[in-house]
Amino acid sequence: MNPAVPPRDDILIEIEKATGYTFTNPSLCLKALQTAGCAAAGGQKSLAQVGDAALRLALVTIGYGKGASRGQIDSALRTKASNSHLADQGFERGFDGSIDR
């Protein structure tokens, strides 16, 4: 683990506070915080697929609940589920300091 990264319990506490979500499987959160180049991570493509699907489901469900059109939902998916938007959100919330490189 990177010495500049806080201990795992501290990372989880901060992320749970920032997101308002309590992880039922904290090891998945910690695994997601490892970069693909991290030797211990072994790549995160499978985990990223799960996260992408969960995010898409959440955004579609929210859009549907608000009565949004398919076009509006597709637009929200293109912008809010994009890697660049998600990276910006992570930097804005200070999650970049929790990444294990």
C-alpha atoms as a PDB file:
ATOM      1  CA  MET A   1       0.000   0.000   0.000  1.00  0.00           C
ATOM      2  CA  ASN A   2       1.151   3.526  -0.740  1.00  0.00           C
ATOM      3  CA  PRO A   3       2.481   5.118   2.489  1.00  0.00           C
ATOM      4  CA  ALA A   4       0.724   8.381   1.564  1.00  0.00           C
ATOM      5  CA  VAL A   5      -2.644   6.587   1.580  1.00  0.00           C
ATOM      6  CA  PRO A   6      -4.522   6.505   4.918  1.00  0.00           C
ATOM      7  CA  PRO A   7      -5.225   3.135   6.600  1.00  0.00           C
ATOM      8  CA  ARG A   8      -8.043   1.084   5.066  1.00  0.00           C
ATOM      9  CA  ASP A   9     -10.530   1.664   7.891  1.00  0.00           C
ATOM     10  CA  ASP A  10     -10.041   5.434   7.625  1.00  0.00           C
ATOM     11  CA  ILE A  11     -10.543   5.311   3.854  1.00  0.00           C
ATOM     12  CA  LEU A  12     -13.794   3.360   4.196  1.00  0.00           C
ATOM     13  CA  ILE A  13     -15.113   5.700   6.878  1.00  0.00           C
ATOM     14  CA  GLU A  14     -14.377   8.773   4.753  1.00  0.00           C
ATOM     15  CA  ILE A  15     -15.926   7.287   1.620  1.00  0.00           C
ATOM     16  CA  GLU A  16     -19.017   6.116   3.485  1.00  0.00           C
ATOM     17  CA  LYS A  17     -19.437   9.568   5.028  1.00  0.00           C
ATOM     18  CA  ALA A  18     -18.967  11.290   1.661  1.00  0.00           C
ATOM     19  CA  THR A  19     -21.382   9.014  -0.195  1.00  0.00           C
ATOM     20  CA  GLY A  20     -23.911   8.376   2.554  1.00  0.00           C
ATOM     21  CA  TYR A  21     -23.626   4.662   1.779  1.00  0.00           C
ATOM     22  CA  THR A  22     -22.503   1.889   4.130  1.00  0.00           C
ATOM     23  CA  PHE A  23     -20.783  -0.889   2.221  1.00  0.00           C
ATOM     24  CA  THR A  24     -22.073  -4.388   2.922  1.00  0.00           C
ATOM     25  CA  ASN A  25     -18.889  -5.733   1.320  1.00  0.00           C
ATOM     26  CA  PRO A  26     -16.119  -3.222   2.147  1.00  0.00           C
ATOM     27  CA  SER A  27     -13.503  -5.317   0.358  1.00  0.00           C
ATOM     28  CA  LEU A  28     -15.122  -4.419  -2.985  1.00  0.00           C
ATOM     29  CA  CYS A  29     -14.754  -0.722  -2.201  1.00  0.00           C
ATOM     30  CA  LEU A  30     -11.105  -1.200  -1.301  1.00  0.00           C
ATOM     31  CA  LYS A  31     -10.513  -3.270  -4.426  1.00  0.00           C
ATOM     32  CA  ALA A  32     -12.093  -0.537  -6.545  1.00  0.00           C
ATOM     33  CA  LEU A  33      -9.611   1.945  -5.080  1.00  0.00           C
ATOM     34  CA  GLN A  34      -6.655   0.022  -6.503  1.00  0.00           C
ATOM     35  CA  THR A  35      -5.454   1.218  -9.883  1.00  0.00           C
ATOM     36  CA  ALA A  36      -5.322  -1.289 -12.706  1.00  0.00           C
ATOM     37  CA  GLY A  37      -1.513  -1.104 -12.608  1.00  0.00           C
ATOM     38  CA  CYS A  38      -1.347  -2.020  -8.917  1.00  0.00           C
ATOM     39  CA  ALA A  39       0.281  -5.445  -8.591  1.00  0.00           C
ATOM     40  CA  ALA A  40      -2.237  -6.568  -5.972  1.00  0.00           C
ATOM     41  CA  ALA A  41      -5.218  -5.482  -8.070  1.00  0.00           C
ATOM     42  CA  GLY A  42      -4.645  -7.616 -11.140  1.00  0.00           C
ATOM     43  CA  GLY A  43      -6.811  -5.257 -13.165  1.00  0.00           C
ATOM     44  CA  GLN A  44     -10.311  -4.067 -12.366  1.00  0.00           C
ATOM     45  CA  LYS A  45     -12.219  -4.685 -15.605  1.00  0.00           C
ATOM     46  CA  SER A  46     -14.660  -7.195 -14.084  1.00  0.00           C
ATOM     47  CA  LEU A  47     -15.349  -5.008 -11.067  1.00  0.00           C
ATOM     48  CA  ALA A  48     -15.697  -1.958 -13.332  1.00  0.00           C
ATOM     49  CA  GLN A  49     -18.341  -3.802 -15.361  1.00  0.00           C
ATOM     50  CA  VAL A  50     -20.367  -4.415 -12.209  1.00  0.00           C
ATOM     51  CA  GLY A  51     -20.034  -0.770 -11.180  1.00  0.00           C
ATOM     52  CA  ASP A  52     -21.005   0.462 -14.648  1.00  0.00           C
ATOM     53  CA  ALA A  53     -24.099  -1.747 -14.656  1.00  0.00           C
ATOM     54  CA  ALA A  54     -25.115  -0.614 -11.159  1.00  0.00           C
ATOM     55  CA  LEU A  55     -24.662   3.053 -12.074  1.00  0.00           C
ATOM     56  CA  ARG A  56     -26.661   2.642 -15.294  1.00  0.00           C
ATOM     57  CA  LEU A  57     -29.465   0.885 -13.393  1.00  0.00           C
ATOM     58  CA  ALA A  58     -29.554   3.641 -10.772  1.00  0.00           C
ATOM     59  CA  LEU A  59     -29.624   6.430 -13.372  1.00  0.00           C
ATOM     60  CA  VAL A  60     -32.313   4.724 -15.475  1.00  0.00           C
ATOM     61  CA  THR A  61     -34.427   4.052 -12.367  1.00  0.00           C
ATOM     62  CA  ILE A  62     -34.134   7.680 -11.243  1.00  0.00           C
ATOM     63  CA  GLY A  63     -34.986   8.941 -14.729  1.00  0.00           C
ATOM     64  CA  TYR A  64     -37.945   6.589 -15.009  1.00  0.00           C
ATOM     65  CA  GLY A  65     -39.206   7.686 -11.592  1.00  0.00           C
ATOM     66  CA  LYS A  66     -39.076  11.317 -12.712  1.00  0.00           C
ATOM     67  CA  GLY A  67     -40.956  10.532 -15.924  1.00  0.00           C
ATOM     68  CA  ALA A  68     -37.959  11.350 -18.123  1.00  0.00           C
ATOM     69  CA  SER A  69     -38.020  10.397 -21.790  1.00  0.00           C
ATOM     70  CA  ARG A  70     -35.676   7.753 -23.206  1.00  0.00           C
ATOM     71  CA  GLY A  71     -33.673  10.548 -24.809  1.00  0.00           C
ATOM     72  CA  GLN A  72     -33.308  12.368 -21.487  1.00  0.00           C
ATOM     73  CA  ILE A  73     -32.239   9.167 -19.759  1.00  0.00           C
ATOM     74  CA  ASP A  74     -29.747   8.371 -22.531  1.00  0.00           C
ATOM     75  CA  SER A  75     -28.333  11.892 -22.219  1.00  0.00           C
ATOM     76  CA  ALA A  76     -27.944  11.486 -18.453  1.00  0.00           C
ATOM     77  CA  LEU A  77     -26.182   8.158 -18.998  1.00  0.00           C
ATOM     78  CA  ARG A  78     -23.770   9.677 -21.532  1.00  0.00           C
ATOM     79  CA  THR A  79     -22.821  12.542 -19.231  1.00  0.00           C
ATOM     80  CA  LYS A  80     -23.109  11.227 -15.676  1.00  0.00           C
ATOM     81  CA  ALA A  81     -21.784   7.714 -16.322  1.00  0.00           C
ATOM     82  CA  SER A  82     -18.804   8.854 -18.396  1.00  0.00           C
ATOM     83  CA  ASN A  83     -15.339   8.104 -17.052  1.00  0.00           C
ATOM     84  CA  SER A  84     -14.363  11.781 -17.274  1.00  0.00           C
ATOM     85  CA  HIS A  85     -17.393  12.885 -15.223  1.00  0.00           C
ATOM     86  CA  LEU A  86     -16.808  10.152 -12.649  1.00  0.00           C
ATOM     87  CA  ALA A  87     -13.125  11.113 -12.378  1.00  0.00           C
ATOM     88  CA  ASP A  88     -14.097  14.765 -11.874  1.00  0.00           C
ATOM     89  CA  GLN A  89     -16.523  13.743  -9.125  1.00  0.00           C
ATOM     90  CA  GLY A  90     -13.821  11.700  -7.402  1.00  0.00           C
ATOM     91  CA  PHE A  91     -11.333  14.581  -7.509  1.00  0.00           C
ATOM     92  CA  GLU A  92     -13.948  17.067  -6.251  1.00  0.00           C
ATOM     93  CA  ARG A  93     -14.638  14.828  -3.251  1.00  0.00           C
ATOM     94  CA  GLY A  94     -10.973  14.170  -2.560  1.00  0.00           C
ATOM     95  CA  PHE A  95     -11.136  10.439  -3.283  1.00  0.00           C
ATOM     96  CA  ASP A  96      -7.927  10.645  -5.318  1.00  0.00           C
ATOM     97  CA  GLY A  97      -5.987  10.653  -2.041  1.00  0.00           C
ATOM     98  CA  SER A  98      -7.406   7.204  -1.259  1.00  0.00           C
ATOM     99  CA  ILE A  99      -6.225   5.495  -4.437  1.00  0.00           C
ATOM    100  CA  ASP A 100      -3.713   2.679  -3.944  1.00  0.00           C
ATOM    101  CA  ARG A 101      -1.300   2.921  -6.873  1.00  0.00           C
END
